[in-house]
Each structure stands twice: as structure tokens, then as C-alpha cells.
């Protein structure tokens, strides 16, 4: 009883620090539902191993954070478009890797940052004829993007249009394949993801080169911002803070050569 009351006091202080509402008193019969962890198959952050088990940098971070909170979870792989849709509408849903964009700010509770995210427009090194050293010049070519990805949103904000300038793909692997069969001239890709996915596909990262930098922003974990999730958010944030302080985040990142923290 003492430990439960102590935990409630710590969480209440955390809520006050984050400017959230105090925790309502729980009834003894309440059992928290397992978190729904929404995962996109994108190396090196999250992907199934040879046995179908979820692995990767962001998966390891999530598992350690939930272990410290004593929370159960179930993992669901899906396309990015489906993940984003579910994360906005379902309670106790956690996305383990998401770019923190201004238009998303009020839609989620943010935990992190977990990694740096640098996005470029890439071309094949064998295609020096693709002259796209500015975003305006890139409009003369077809650029592959992942559907509903932050890079797609950024390009559309710069006047790129679906169908005319942009070719949508369901995932990064499909996007890269389009580049290599020259169905498109450019791809918009996170440098970390591009390197890891190309390795998985058997390509050499040196076969492509950046022509223009699109954006630089941090990745976070994102918890659905639905009524009743405030207490859960504080639990996760406190666990994350402890992982940063004791060096766990840096140690996990060191095991994944493509990941950079800043």
C-alpha cells in the first residue's frame, strides 16, 4: 500500500511539473490495458528479425522504458499511413518513432528526443544528369516519397504536388526500388533509414548521393493525446528521463551504427 501511494505521489508531482491535471484516484479493481505499440518496418529503428520478432533501436528503447514502468504491451506492425491514423484515434497507443512537426504538436504527448533525423533528396550516383541542387530545380523530376511521411508533407508545403512531382510508396523499401529501376529520379529519405534499408536490400549506400537537404528535425516516441492518457504519459516520461540520466539511451544507440542522437 505504501509503495502504491508513493508512486501516486511521484506521478502527481510529475503531472504538476508538466502542467497537466492531477491524477484521479483509481479503484482497487482497475487493471491497465496493455499499450498498443504501433511499429513501422523501418530499419534500423524497428523491423522484424528472421523469426518475425520486433527488433531495432526504437524497439529496444521502448521495451526498456515499459519495463521500468511495469507496463504490458502488444506490438503491431503496419504502414506509416495506418499507424498515423490509429495513433490519433486510439487510447493507449504508442508510436515509437515519429518526427515532431509543428502541425503534430498538439496531437500527441512527446517522449524524447530519441534520434536525429536528417532528410535529403537523393539521386543515383550514376545519374549526374539529374540536376536538382535546389527544391525548385527538383520539381523538374519525379520524387518518390513514403505515403503520409513527414518528408512528403514538407515537399508539399514547398509546392510539390502528388502525381505531378511526387510518387507515393507504402514504405522505404518500395521507394528505394523505384529509384534503382529508374521509375523515379529522386527519393526523399532520412539518411539513417536509407543506409539501413539499402543494406537490408543488398544495395551499397554509396550508390546514391544527396543533392539537396530537405529538413533536419528530431525523432520522438509519440503517445496518443486522448483523455485519460495523462497519467500514462507521466509514467513514460519519468522512465525515459531515468534512461537518459543513467546512460541507457546512449548505450542502446551505440549498438546501432547508423543511429545518431544529435
C-alpha atoms as a PDB file:
ATOM      1  CA  UNK A   1       0.000   0.000   0.000  1.00  0.00           C
ATOM      2  CA  UNK A   2       2.835   2.372   0.901  1.00  0.00           C
ATOM      3  CA  UNK A   3       4.600   1.758  -2.433  1.00  0.00           C
ATOM      4  CA  UNK A   4       1.396   2.366  -4.389  1.00  0.00           C
ATOM      5  CA  UNK A   5       0.752   5.633  -2.548  1.00  0.00           C
ATOM      6  CA  UNK A   6       4.371   6.695  -3.091  1.00  0.00           C
ATOM      7  CA  UNK A   7       4.112   6.023  -6.827  1.00  0.00           C
ATOM      8  CA  UNK A   8       0.870   8.014  -6.975  1.00  0.00           C
ATOM      9  CA  UNK A   9       2.585  10.948  -5.235  1.00  0.00           C
ATOM     10  CA  UNK A  10       5.517  10.848  -7.679  1.00  0.00           C
ATOM     11  CA  UNK A  11       3.174  10.767 -10.674  1.00  0.00           C
ATOM     12  CA  UNK A  12       1.105  13.626  -9.274  1.00  0.00           C
ATOM     13  CA  UNK A  13       4.247  15.734  -8.895  1.00  0.00           C
ATOM     14  CA  UNK A  14       5.203  14.818 -12.454  1.00  0.00           C
ATOM     15  CA  UNK A  15       1.798  15.909 -13.738  1.00  0.00           C
ATOM     16  CA  UNK A  16       2.102  19.217 -11.939  1.00  0.00           C
ATOM     17  CA  UNK A  17       5.572  19.742 -13.426  1.00  0.00           C
ATOM     18  CA  UNK A  18       4.200  19.064 -16.933  1.00  0.00           C
ATOM     19  CA  UNK A  19       1.187  21.339 -16.396  1.00  0.00           C
ATOM     20  CA  UNK A  20      -1.349  18.504 -16.575  1.00  0.00           C
ATOM     21  CA  UNK A  21      -4.369  17.671 -14.443  1.00  0.00           C
ATOM     22  CA  UNK A  22      -3.915  15.769 -11.169  1.00  0.00           C
ATOM     23  CA  UNK A  23      -4.391  12.019 -11.213  1.00  0.00           C
ATOM     24  CA  UNK A  24      -7.860  10.824 -10.319  1.00  0.00           C
ATOM     25  CA  UNK A  25      -7.928   8.215  -7.561  1.00  0.00           C
ATOM     26  CA  UNK A  26      -8.045   4.721  -9.057  1.00  0.00           C
ATOM     27  CA  UNK A  27     -10.290   1.997  -7.761  1.00  0.00           C
ATOM     28  CA  UNK A  28      -8.604  -1.174  -6.475  1.00  0.00           C
ATOM     29  CA  UNK A  29     -10.173  -3.257  -9.262  1.00  0.00           C
ATOM     30  CA  UNK A  30      -8.746  -1.177 -12.124  1.00  0.00           C
ATOM     31  CA  UNK A  31      -6.246  -3.033 -14.313  1.00  0.00           C
ATOM     32  CA  UNK A  32      -4.442  -1.005 -17.013  1.00  0.00           C
ATOM     33  CA  UNK A  33      -4.890  -2.289 -20.542  1.00  0.00           C
ATOM     34  CA  UNK A  34      -1.730  -3.264 -22.442  1.00  0.00           C
ATOM     35  CA  UNK A  35      -0.285  -0.480 -24.547  1.00  0.00           C
ATOM     36  CA  UNK A  36      -0.756  -0.792 -28.277  1.00  0.00           C
ATOM     37  CA  UNK A  37       2.720  -0.167 -29.715  1.00  0.00           C
ATOM     38  CA  UNK A  38       2.482   0.873 -33.361  1.00  0.00           C
ATOM     39  CA  UNK A  39       5.572  -0.016 -35.373  1.00  0.00           C
ATOM     40  CA  UNK A  40       6.596   0.695 -38.950  1.00  0.00           C
ATOM     41  CA  UNK A  41       9.053  -1.792 -40.525  1.00  0.00           C
ATOM     42  CA  UNK A  42      11.906   0.702 -40.965  1.00  0.00           C
ATOM     43  CA  UNK A  43      15.478  -0.366 -40.143  1.00  0.00           C
ATOM     44  CA  UNK A  44      17.389   0.483 -38.022  1.00  0.00           C
ATOM     45  CA  UNK A  45      14.574   1.751 -35.780  1.00  0.00           C
ATOM     46  CA  UNK A  46      12.092  -1.138 -35.977  1.00  0.00           C
ATOM     47  CA  UNK A  47      11.805  -4.245 -38.117  1.00  0.00           C
ATOM     48  CA  UNK A  48      11.076  -7.993 -37.774  1.00  0.00           C
ATOM     49  CA  UNK A  49      14.047 -10.327 -37.408  1.00  0.00           C
ATOM     50  CA  UNK A  50      14.296 -13.698 -39.195  1.00  0.00           C
ATOM     51  CA  UNK A  51      11.807 -15.164 -36.707  1.00  0.00           C
ATOM     52  CA  UNK A  52       9.342 -12.282 -37.066  1.00  0.00           C
ATOM     53  CA  UNK A  53      10.254 -10.810 -33.671  1.00  0.00           C
ATOM     54  CA  UNK A  54      10.311  -6.993 -33.491  1.00  0.00           C
ATOM     55  CA  UNK A  55      13.869  -5.654 -33.140  1.00  0.00           C
ATOM     56  CA  UNK A  56      15.736  -2.393 -33.700  1.00  0.00           C
ATOM     57  CA  UNK A  57      16.904   0.720 -31.895  1.00  0.00           C
ATOM     58  CA  UNK A  58      13.476   2.209 -31.163  1.00  0.00           C
ATOM     59  CA  UNK A  59      12.100  -1.202 -30.150  1.00  0.00           C
ATOM     60  CA  UNK A  60      14.889  -1.605 -27.578  1.00  0.00           C
ATOM     61  CA  UNK A  61      14.240   1.877 -26.185  1.00  0.00           C
ATOM     62  CA  UNK A  62      10.512   1.175 -25.903  1.00  0.00           C
ATOM     63  CA  UNK A  63      10.956  -2.211 -24.242  1.00  0.00           C
ATOM     64  CA  UNK A  64      13.324  -0.828 -21.601  1.00  0.00           C
ATOM     65  CA  UNK A  65      11.056   2.169 -20.919  1.00  0.00           C
ATOM     66  CA  UNK A  66       7.980  -0.031 -20.462  1.00  0.00           C
ATOM     67  CA  UNK A  67       9.954  -2.487 -18.317  1.00  0.00           C
ATOM     68  CA  UNK A  68      10.823   0.351 -15.929  1.00  0.00           C
ATOM     69  CA  UNK A  69       7.150   1.334 -15.797  1.00  0.00           C
ATOM     70  CA  UNK A  70       5.967  -2.244 -15.261  1.00  0.00           C
ATOM     71  CA  UNK A  71       3.620  -1.928 -18.247  1.00  0.00           C
ATOM     72  CA  UNK A  72       2.434  -4.670 -20.581  1.00  0.00           C
ATOM     73  CA  UNK A  73       2.225  -4.074 -24.334  1.00  0.00           C
ATOM     74  CA  UNK A  74       1.464  -5.636 -27.682  1.00  0.00           C
ATOM     75  CA  UNK A  75       3.244  -4.673 -30.899  1.00  0.00           C
ATOM     76  CA  UNK A  76       1.532  -4.163 -34.234  1.00  0.00           C
ATOM     77  CA  UNK A  77       3.448  -3.660 -37.494  1.00  0.00           C
ATOM     78  CA  UNK A  78       1.687  -1.556 -40.113  1.00  0.00           C
ATOM     79  CA  UNK A  79       2.183   1.009 -42.874  1.00  0.00           C
ATOM     80  CA  UNK A  80       3.006   4.546 -41.798  1.00  0.00           C
ATOM     81  CA  UNK A  81      -0.320   5.926 -43.059  1.00  0.00           C
ATOM     82  CA  UNK A  82      -2.257   3.371 -40.981  1.00  0.00           C
ATOM     83  CA  UNK A  83      -0.065   3.926 -37.911  1.00  0.00           C
ATOM     84  CA  UNK A  84      -0.596   7.669 -38.014  1.00  0.00           C
ATOM     85  CA  UNK A  85      -4.356   7.250 -38.353  1.00  0.00           C
ATOM     86  CA  UNK A  86      -4.643   4.818 -35.444  1.00  0.00           C
ATOM     87  CA  UNK A  87      -2.348   6.821 -33.187  1.00  0.00           C
ATOM     88  CA  UNK A  88      -4.670   9.824 -33.408  1.00  0.00           C
ATOM     89  CA  UNK A  89      -7.826   7.906 -32.542  1.00  0.00           C
ATOM     90  CA  UNK A  90      -6.945   5.043 -30.200  1.00  0.00           C
ATOM     91  CA  UNK A  91      -6.266   5.389 -26.476  1.00  0.00           C
ATOM     92  CA  UNK A  92      -3.027   3.980 -25.009  1.00  0.00           C
ATOM     93  CA  UNK A  93      -1.374   3.870 -28.441  1.00  0.00           C
ATOM     94  CA  UNK A  94       2.364   4.500 -28.618  1.00  0.00           C
ATOM     95  CA  UNK A  95       4.305   5.221 -31.806  1.00  0.00           C
ATOM     96  CA  UNK A  96       7.958   4.507 -31.134  1.00  0.00           C
ATOM     97  CA  UNK A  97       9.471   6.730 -33.830  1.00  0.00           C
ATOM     98  CA  UNK A  98       7.866   9.895 -35.197  1.00  0.00           C
ATOM     99  CA  UNK A  99       9.149  13.249 -36.441  1.00  0.00           C
ATOM    100  CA  UNK A 100       7.978  16.071 -34.188  1.00  0.00           C
ATOM    101  CA  UNK A 101       6.407  18.538 -36.613  1.00  0.00           C
ATOM    102  CA  UNK A 102       4.573  21.774 -35.692  1.00  0.00           C
ATOM    103  CA  UNK A 103       1.266  20.509 -37.107  1.00  0.00           C
ATOM    104  CA  UNK A 104       1.545  17.362 -34.967  1.00  0.00           C
ATOM    105  CA  UNK A 105       2.498  19.129 -31.737  1.00  0.00           C
ATOM    106  CA  UNK A 106      -0.929  19.179 -30.064  1.00  0.00           C
ATOM    107  CA  UNK A 107      -1.981  15.743 -31.317  1.00  0.00           C
ATOM    108  CA  UNK A 108       0.457  13.683 -29.204  1.00  0.00           C
ATOM    109  CA  UNK A 109       2.381  13.515 -25.934  1.00  0.00           C
ATOM    110  CA  UNK A 110       6.065  13.569 -26.935  1.00  0.00           C
ATOM    111  CA  UNK A 111       8.792  11.468 -25.295  1.00  0.00           C
ATOM    112  CA  UNK A 112      12.387  12.023 -26.313  1.00  0.00           C
ATOM    113  CA  UNK A 113      14.129  13.093 -28.470  1.00  0.00           C
ATOM    114  CA  UNK A 114      15.262   9.597 -29.403  1.00  0.00           C
ATOM    115  CA  UNK A 115      17.399  10.246 -32.522  1.00  0.00           C
ATOM    116  CA  UNK A 116      18.420  12.807 -35.107  1.00  0.00           C
ATOM    117  CA  UNK A 117      16.571  12.839 -38.425  1.00  0.00           C
ATOM    118  CA  UNK A 118      18.242  14.390 -41.470  1.00  0.00           C
ATOM    119  CA  UNK A 119      16.326  14.167 -44.725  1.00  0.00           C
ATOM    120  CA  UNK A 120      17.778  14.732 -48.183  1.00  0.00           C
ATOM    121  CA  UNK A 121      16.715  14.365 -51.769  1.00  0.00           C
ATOM    122  CA  UNK A 122      18.903  11.595 -53.196  1.00  0.00           C
ATOM    123  CA  UNK A 123      19.747  10.607 -56.758  1.00  0.00           C
ATOM    124  CA  UNK A 124      21.693   7.665 -58.150  1.00  0.00           C
ATOM    125  CA  UNK A 125      25.401   8.486 -58.472  1.00  0.00           C
ATOM    126  CA  UNK A 126      25.152   7.088 -61.981  1.00  0.00           C
ATOM    127  CA  UNK A 127      22.653   9.851 -62.874  1.00  0.00           C
ATOM    128  CA  UNK A 128      24.624  13.136 -62.861  1.00  0.00           C
ATOM    129  CA  UNK A 129      22.135  14.343 -65.465  1.00  0.00           C
ATOM    130  CA  UNK A 130      19.578  14.736 -62.644  1.00  0.00           C
ATOM    131  CA  UNK A 131      20.355  18.336 -61.728  1.00  0.00           C
ATOM    132  CA  UNK A 132      18.333  19.077 -58.598  1.00  0.00           C
ATOM    133  CA  UNK A 133      20.548  21.138 -56.313  1.00  0.00           C
ATOM    134  CA  UNK A 134      17.558  23.236 -55.168  1.00  0.00           C
ATOM    135  CA  UNK A 135      13.983  22.293 -54.308  1.00  0.00           C
ATOM    136  CA  UNK A 136      12.719  24.381 -57.199  1.00  0.00           C
ATOM    137  CA  UNK A 137      15.007  22.545 -59.618  1.00  0.00           C
ATOM    138  CA  UNK A 138      13.834  19.212 -58.164  1.00  0.00           C
ATOM    139  CA  UNK A 139      10.320  19.930 -59.423  1.00  0.00           C
ATOM    140  CA  UNK A 140      11.537  19.039 -62.903  1.00  0.00           C
ATOM    141  CA  UNK A 141      11.866  15.413 -61.775  1.00  0.00           C
ATOM    142  CA  UNK A 142       9.693  12.753 -60.176  1.00  0.00           C
ATOM    143  CA  UNK A 143      10.480  12.213 -56.475  1.00  0.00           C
ATOM    144  CA  UNK A 144       9.446   9.092 -54.564  1.00  0.00           C
ATOM    145  CA  UNK A 145       8.106   9.587 -51.026  1.00  0.00           C
ATOM    146  CA  UNK A 146       6.566   7.381 -48.345  1.00  0.00           C
ATOM    147  CA  UNK A 147       2.830   7.984 -48.069  1.00  0.00           C
ATOM    148  CA  UNK A 148       1.960  10.444 -45.236  1.00  0.00           C
ATOM    149  CA  UNK A 149       5.611  10.661 -44.189  1.00  0.00           C
ATOM    150  CA  UNK A 150       6.990  13.941 -42.804  1.00  0.00           C
ATOM    151  CA  UNK A 151       9.148  14.326 -45.946  1.00  0.00           C
ATOM    152  CA  UNK A 152       6.038  14.174 -48.143  1.00  0.00           C
ATOM    153  CA  UNK A 153       4.395  16.888 -46.030  1.00  0.00           C
ATOM    154  CA  UNK A 154       7.491  19.090 -46.218  1.00  0.00           C
ATOM    155  CA  UNK A 155       7.718  18.802 -50.000  1.00  0.00           C
ATOM    156  CA  UNK A 156       4.017  19.548 -50.414  1.00  0.00           C
ATOM    157  CA  UNK A 157       4.489  22.654 -48.264  1.00  0.00           C
ATOM    158  CA  UNK A 158       7.114  23.742 -50.816  1.00  0.00           C
ATOM    159  CA  UNK A 159       4.659  23.379 -53.680  1.00  0.00           C
ATOM    160  CA  UNK A 160       5.287  19.783 -54.772  1.00  0.00           C
ATOM    161  CA  UNK A 161       2.117  18.076 -55.973  1.00  0.00           C
ATOM    162  CA  UNK A 162       1.109  14.426 -55.786  1.00  0.00           C
ATOM    163  CA  UNK A 163       1.156  12.819 -59.208  1.00  0.00           C
ATOM    164  CA  UNK A 164       2.939  15.737 -60.850  1.00  0.00           C
ATOM    165  CA  UNK A 165       6.103  15.901 -58.735  1.00  0.00           C
ATOM    166  CA  UNK A 166       5.637  13.189 -56.112  1.00  0.00           C
ATOM    167  CA  UNK A 167       5.256   9.419 -56.440  1.00  0.00           C
ATOM    168  CA  UNK A 168       3.885   7.763 -53.290  1.00  0.00           C
ATOM    169  CA  UNK A 169       5.216   4.469 -51.896  1.00  0.00           C
ATOM    170  CA  UNK A 170       3.885   2.396 -48.976  1.00  0.00           C
ATOM    171  CA  UNK A 171       7.345   2.053 -47.381  1.00  0.00           C
ATOM    172  CA  UNK A 172      11.030   2.903 -47.734  1.00  0.00           C
ATOM    173  CA  UNK A 173      11.975  -0.363 -49.443  1.00  0.00           C
ATOM    174  CA  UNK A 174       9.457   0.213 -52.241  1.00  0.00           C
ATOM    175  CA  UNK A 175      10.641   3.805 -52.588  1.00  0.00           C
ATOM    176  CA  UNK A 176      14.286   2.742 -52.977  1.00  0.00           C
ATOM    177  CA  UNK A 177      13.434   0.051 -55.506  1.00  0.00           C
ATOM    178  CA  UNK A 178      11.713   2.686 -57.664  1.00  0.00           C
ATOM    179  CA  UNK A 179      14.916   4.711 -57.671  1.00  0.00           C
ATOM    180  CA  UNK A 180      17.075   1.779 -58.751  1.00  0.00           C
ATOM    181  CA  UNK A 181      14.760   0.721 -61.584  1.00  0.00           C
ATOM    182  CA  UNK A 182      14.657   4.430 -62.556  1.00  0.00           C
ATOM    183  CA  UNK A 183      10.918   4.743 -62.241  1.00  0.00           C
ATOM    184  CA  UNK A 184      11.742   7.975 -60.358  1.00  0.00           C
ATOM    185  CA  UNK A 185      14.765  10.260 -60.486  1.00  0.00           C
ATOM    186  CA  UNK A 186      14.843  11.249 -56.793  1.00  0.00           C
ATOM    187  CA  UNK A 187      13.823   9.960 -53.376  1.00  0.00           C
ATOM    188  CA  UNK A 188      13.179  11.909 -50.165  1.00  0.00           C
ATOM    189  CA  UNK A 189      14.770   9.892 -47.366  1.00  0.00           C
ATOM    190  CA  UNK A 190      16.087  10.034 -43.829  1.00  0.00           C
ATOM    191  CA  UNK A 191      19.831   9.355 -44.217  1.00  0.00           C
ATOM    192  CA  UNK A 192      19.818   6.845 -41.322  1.00  0.00           C
ATOM    193  CA  UNK A 193      16.900   4.875 -42.741  1.00  0.00           C
ATOM    194  CA  UNK A 194      18.201   4.983 -46.313  1.00  0.00           C
ATOM    195  CA  UNK A 195      21.546   3.484 -45.277  1.00  0.00           C
ATOM    196  CA  UNK A 196      19.986   0.727 -43.149  1.00  0.00           C
ATOM    197  CA  UNK A 197      17.254  -0.230 -45.638  1.00  0.00           C
ATOM    198  CA  UNK A 198      19.728  -0.334 -48.530  1.00  0.00           C
ATOM    199  CA  UNK A 199      21.934  -2.704 -46.541  1.00  0.00           C
ATOM    200  CA  UNK A 200      18.914  -4.972 -45.930  1.00  0.00           C
ATOM    201  CA  UNK A 201      18.085  -4.919 -49.659  1.00  0.00           C
ATOM    202  CA  UNK A 202      21.670  -5.706 -50.661  1.00  0.00           C
ATOM    203  CA  UNK A 203      22.444  -2.282 -52.131  1.00  0.00           C
ATOM    204  CA  UNK A 204      25.515  -0.153 -51.417  1.00  0.00           C
ATOM    205  CA  UNK A 205      24.672   3.204 -49.802  1.00  0.00           C
ATOM    206  CA  UNK A 206      27.494   4.713 -51.887  1.00  0.00           C
ATOM    207  CA  UNK A 207      25.362   4.131 -54.990  1.00  0.00           C
ATOM    208  CA  UNK A 208      23.230   7.163 -54.096  1.00  0.00           C
ATOM    209  CA  UNK A 209      24.155  10.721 -53.197  1.00  0.00           C
ATOM    210  CA  UNK A 210      22.330  13.679 -51.619  1.00  0.00           C
ATOM    211  CA  UNK A 211      21.620  16.631 -53.899  1.00  0.00           C
ATOM    212  CA  UNK A 212      19.715  18.932 -51.537  1.00  0.00           C
ATOM    213  CA  UNK A 213      18.955  18.920 -47.812  1.00  0.00           C
ATOM    214  CA  UNK A 214      15.231  18.871 -47.128  1.00  0.00           C
ATOM    215  CA  UNK A 215      14.987  19.057 -43.338  1.00  0.00           C
ATOM    216  CA  UNK A 216      16.640  18.332 -40.008  1.00  0.00           C
ATOM    217  CA  UNK A 217      14.438  17.526 -37.026  1.00  0.00           C
ATOM    218  CA  UNK A 218      14.434  15.110 -34.087  1.00  0.00           C
ATOM    219  CA  UNK A 219      12.556  11.841 -33.763  1.00  0.00           C
ATOM    220  CA  UNK A 220      10.440  11.132 -30.667  1.00  0.00           C
ATOM    221  CA  UNK A 221       8.131   8.498 -29.271  1.00  0.00           C
ATOM    222  CA  UNK A 222       4.547   9.723 -29.501  1.00  0.00           C
ATOM    223  CA  UNK A 223       1.684   8.743 -27.191  1.00  0.00           C
ATOM    224  CA  UNK A 224      -1.886   9.320 -28.347  1.00  0.00           C
ATOM    225  CA  UNK A 225      -3.201  12.527 -26.763  1.00  0.00           C
ATOM    226  CA  UNK A 226      -6.574  11.190 -25.687  1.00  0.00           C
ATOM    227  CA  UNK A 227      -8.390  11.885 -22.416  1.00  0.00           C
ATOM    228  CA  UNK A 228      -7.109   9.562 -19.716  1.00  0.00           C
ATOM    229  CA  UNK A 229      -3.568   9.242 -21.101  1.00  0.00           C
ATOM    230  CA  UNK A 230      -2.015  11.992 -18.918  1.00  0.00           C
ATOM    231  CA  UNK A 231      -1.048   9.631 -16.095  1.00  0.00           C
ATOM    232  CA  UNK A 232       0.446   7.161 -18.557  1.00  0.00           C
ATOM    233  CA  UNK A 233       2.424   9.956 -20.202  1.00  0.00           C
ATOM    234  CA  UNK A 234       3.998  10.965 -16.886  1.00  0.00           C
ATOM    235  CA  UNK A 235       4.983   7.358 -16.167  1.00  0.00           C
ATOM    236  CA  UNK A 236       6.664   7.051 -19.550  1.00  0.00           C
ATOM    237  CA  UNK A 237       8.370  10.440 -19.319  1.00  0.00           C
ATOM    238  CA  UNK A 238       9.815   9.684 -15.879  1.00  0.00           C
ATOM    239  CA  UNK A 239      11.147   6.334 -17.126  1.00  0.00           C
ATOM    240  CA  UNK A 240      12.630   7.999 -20.214  1.00  0.00           C
ATOM    241  CA  UNK A 241      14.343  10.672 -18.114  1.00  0.00           C
ATOM    242  CA  UNK A 242      15.937   7.970 -15.959  1.00  0.00           C
ATOM    243  CA  UNK A 243      17.190   6.186 -19.102  1.00  0.00           C
ATOM    244  CA  UNK A 244      18.863   9.356 -20.326  1.00  0.00           C
ATOM    245  CA  UNK A 245      20.443  10.088 -16.955  1.00  0.00           C
ATOM    246  CA  UNK A 246      21.920   6.618 -16.390  1.00  0.00           C
ATOM    247  CA  UNK A 247      23.343   6.278 -19.924  1.00  0.00           C
ATOM    248  CA  UNK A 248      20.948   3.592 -21.155  1.00  0.00           C
ATOM    249  CA  UNK A 249      19.843   5.592 -24.221  1.00  0.00           C
ATOM    250  CA  UNK A 250      23.439   6.226 -25.289  1.00  0.00           C
ATOM    251  CA  UNK A 251      24.365   2.571 -24.724  1.00  0.00           C
ATOM    252  CA  UNK A 252      21.482   1.344 -26.894  1.00  0.00           C
ATOM    253  CA  UNK A 253      22.329   3.858 -29.631  1.00  0.00           C
ATOM    254  CA  UNK A 254      25.946   2.657 -29.639  1.00  0.00           C
ATOM    255  CA  UNK A 255      24.736  -0.816 -30.672  1.00  0.00           C
ATOM    256  CA  UNK A 256      23.173   0.608 -33.847  1.00  0.00           C
ATOM    257  CA  UNK A 257      25.858   2.122 -36.105  1.00  0.00           C
ATOM    258  CA  UNK A 258      23.532   4.182 -38.304  1.00  0.00           C
ATOM    259  CA  UNK A 259      21.769   5.934 -35.399  1.00  0.00           C
ATOM    260  CA  UNK A 260      22.879   9.386 -34.241  1.00  0.00           C
ATOM    261  CA  UNK A 261      21.481  11.162 -31.196  1.00  0.00           C
ATOM    262  CA  UNK A 262      22.217  14.710 -32.383  1.00  0.00           C
END
